[in-house]
């Protein structure tokens, strides 16, 4: 079989294309869910800002308390940016794959799969970091 053969030259039937489109709908739902969770966490942080500031002020007095709060905000924004990027890759990939199936564009389909691959690479790196953190906490 030729290695450069296009996916759409394989004559994908209607059932397979419907399965791929259904997968795209799930992918889009998970992307929207991830963005919603990020928004709710940031909203909860803004609502509880005074309480968090008060607790850090009690635990750490003076300039160190302000520095601790700055670190917490920085880490929260970094985590939100990483997960926001993951959600963006999910949503963009779903849109590209869906469009590619409808118009039978191989390049667009490959770009959608590349976005999905990037999402899973980021997810894998985060999982490995969490696993290492759990292993370190055991000792």
Protein backbone atom coordinates (compact mmCIF):
# COMPACT_ATOMS: atom_id res chain seq x y z
CA UNK A 1 0.00 0.00 0.00
CA UNK A 2 1.29 3.46 -0.87
CA UNK A 3 2.44 5.41 2.23
CA UNK A 4 1.43 8.78 0.74
CA UNK A 5 -2.16 7.72 0.13
CA UNK A 6 -4.71 10.26 1.33
CA UNK A 7 -7.22 9.31 3.99
CA UNK A 8 -10.06 10.42 1.76
CA UNK A 9 -8.78 8.32 -1.14
CA UNK A 10 -9.59 5.34 1.07
CA UNK A 11 -13.27 6.14 0.52
CA UNK A 12 -14.39 6.62 4.13
CA UNK A 13 -18.00 5.54 4.36
CA UNK A 14 -20.83 7.44 5.98
CA UNK A 15 -20.71 5.47 9.26
CA UNK A 16 -17.03 6.24 9.85
CA UNK A 17 -17.46 9.93 9.04
CA UNK A 18 -20.37 10.11 11.49
CA UNK A 19 -18.21 8.49 14.19
CA UNK A 20 -15.45 11.04 13.58
CA UNK A 21 -17.97 13.89 13.68
CA UNK A 22 -19.38 12.51 16.94
CA UNK A 23 -15.84 12.44 18.34
CA UNK A 24 -15.44 16.08 17.30
CA UNK A 25 -18.60 16.99 19.20
CA UNK A 26 -17.21 15.34 22.35
CA UNK A 27 -13.89 17.06 21.81
CA UNK A 28 -15.63 20.43 21.52
CA UNK A 29 -17.71 19.73 24.64
CA UNK A 30 -14.59 18.90 26.67
CA UNK A 31 -12.89 22.07 25.42
CA UNK A 32 -15.85 24.22 26.45
CA UNK A 33 -16.04 22.40 29.80
CA UNK A 34 -12.34 23.08 30.41
CA UNK A 35 -12.78 26.78 29.63
CA UNK A 36 -15.81 26.90 31.95
CA UNK A 37 -13.84 25.33 34.79
CA UNK A 38 -11.00 27.83 34.30
CA UNK A 39 -13.49 30.69 34.39
CA UNK A 40 -15.17 29.38 37.54
CA UNK A 41 -11.83 28.96 39.35
CA UNK A 42 -10.76 32.50 38.43
CA UNK A 43 -14.17 33.84 39.47
CA UNK A 44 -13.95 32.01 42.81
CA UNK A 45 -10.48 33.44 43.34
CA UNK A 46 -11.74 36.96 42.65
CA UNK A 47 -14.72 36.51 44.95
CA UNK A 48 -12.54 35.16 47.77
CA UNK A 49 -9.73 37.68 47.21
CA UNK A 50 -10.20 39.49 50.52
CA UNK A 51 -10.42 36.25 52.50
CA UNK A 52 -7.28 34.85 50.84
CA UNK A 53 -5.44 38.12 51.39
CA UNK A 54 -6.48 38.10 55.06
CA UNK A 55 -5.34 34.51 55.62
CA UNK A 56 -1.98 35.14 53.99
CA UNK A 57 -1.63 38.35 55.98
CA UNK A 58 -2.21 36.44 59.21
CA UNK A 59 0.22 33.67 58.31
CA UNK A 60 2.97 35.86 56.84
CA UNK A 61 3.34 39.45 57.95
CA UNK A 62 4.74 42.40 56.00
CA UNK A 63 6.46 42.29 52.64
CA UNK A 64 6.70 38.51 52.65
CA UNK A 65 2.89 38.29 52.65
CA UNK A 66 2.67 40.52 49.59
CA UNK A 67 5.34 38.44 47.86
CA UNK A 68 3.48 35.23 48.71
CA UNK A 69 0.27 36.67 47.29
CA UNK A 70 2.10 37.70 44.11
CA UNK A 71 3.47 34.16 43.73
CA UNK A 72 0.00 32.67 44.24
CA UNK A 73 -1.51 34.97 41.62
CA UNK A 74 1.35 34.23 39.22
CA UNK A 75 0.98 30.48 39.61
CA UNK A 76 -2.80 30.71 39.21
CA UNK A 77 -2.44 32.73 36.01
CA UNK A 78 0.19 30.32 34.66
CA UNK A 79 -2.03 27.31 35.34
CA UNK A 80 -5.00 29.11 33.76
CA UNK A 81 -2.92 29.94 30.68
CA UNK A 82 -1.71 26.34 30.26
CA UNK A 83 -5.19 24.87 30.64
CA UNK A 84 -6.64 27.62 28.46
CA UNK A 85 -4.13 26.69 25.77
CA UNK A 86 -5.14 23.06 26.09
CA UNK A 87 -8.81 23.99 25.68
CA UNK A 88 -7.92 26.13 22.66
CA UNK A 89 -6.14 23.20 20.99
CA UNK A 90 -9.16 20.98 21.66
CA UNK A 91 -11.63 23.45 20.22
CA UNK A 92 -9.51 24.37 17.20
CA UNK A 93 -8.80 20.70 16.45
CA UNK A 94 -12.47 19.80 16.65
CA UNK A 95 -13.39 22.61 14.28
CA UNK A 96 -10.69 21.70 11.80
CA UNK A 97 -11.52 17.99 11.78
CA UNK A 98 -15.23 18.69 11.40
CA UNK A 99 -14.64 21.06 8.50
CA UNK A 100 -12.20 18.65 6.87
CA UNK A 101 -14.69 15.77 6.99
CA UNK A 102 -17.40 17.92 5.47
CA UNK A 103 -15.28 19.34 2.61
CA UNK A 104 -12.91 16.33 2.34
CA UNK A 105 -9.72 18.35 2.83
CA UNK A 106 -6.76 16.15 3.84
CA UNK A 107 -4.50 19.02 4.93
CA UNK A 108 -7.14 20.52 7.21
CA UNK A 109 -7.84 17.07 8.68
CA UNK A 110 -4.13 16.58 9.39
CA UNK A 111 -3.94 20.01 11.04
CA UNK A 112 -6.90 19.10 13.25
CA UNK A 113 -5.21 15.88 14.29
CA UNK A 114 -2.02 17.84 14.95
CA UNK A 115 -3.95 20.11 17.33
CA UNK A 116 -5.34 17.07 19.10
CA UNK A 117 -1.83 15.59 19.31
CA UNK A 118 -0.53 18.83 20.85
CA UNK A 119 -3.31 18.71 23.46
CA UNK A 120 -2.33 15.17 24.43
CA UNK A 121 1.38 16.07 24.56
CA UNK A 122 0.65 18.89 27.01
CA UNK A 123 -1.68 16.62 28.99
CA UNK A 124 1.01 13.93 29.12
CA UNK A 125 3.66 16.35 30.37
CA UNK A 126 1.31 17.61 33.08
CA UNK A 127 0.52 14.01 34.07
CA UNK A 128 4.22 13.14 34.33
CA UNK A 129 4.86 16.23 36.48
CA UNK A 130 1.95 15.27 38.76
CA UNK A 131 3.23 11.69 38.98
CA UNK A 132 6.70 12.91 39.94
CA UNK A 133 5.16 15.21 42.54
CA UNK A 134 3.24 12.31 44.04
CA UNK A 135 6.35 10.14 44.10
CA UNK A 136 8.36 12.90 45.79
CA UNK A 137 5.66 13.38 48.43
CA UNK A 138 5.95 9.71 49.38
CA UNK A 139 9.51 10.21 50.62
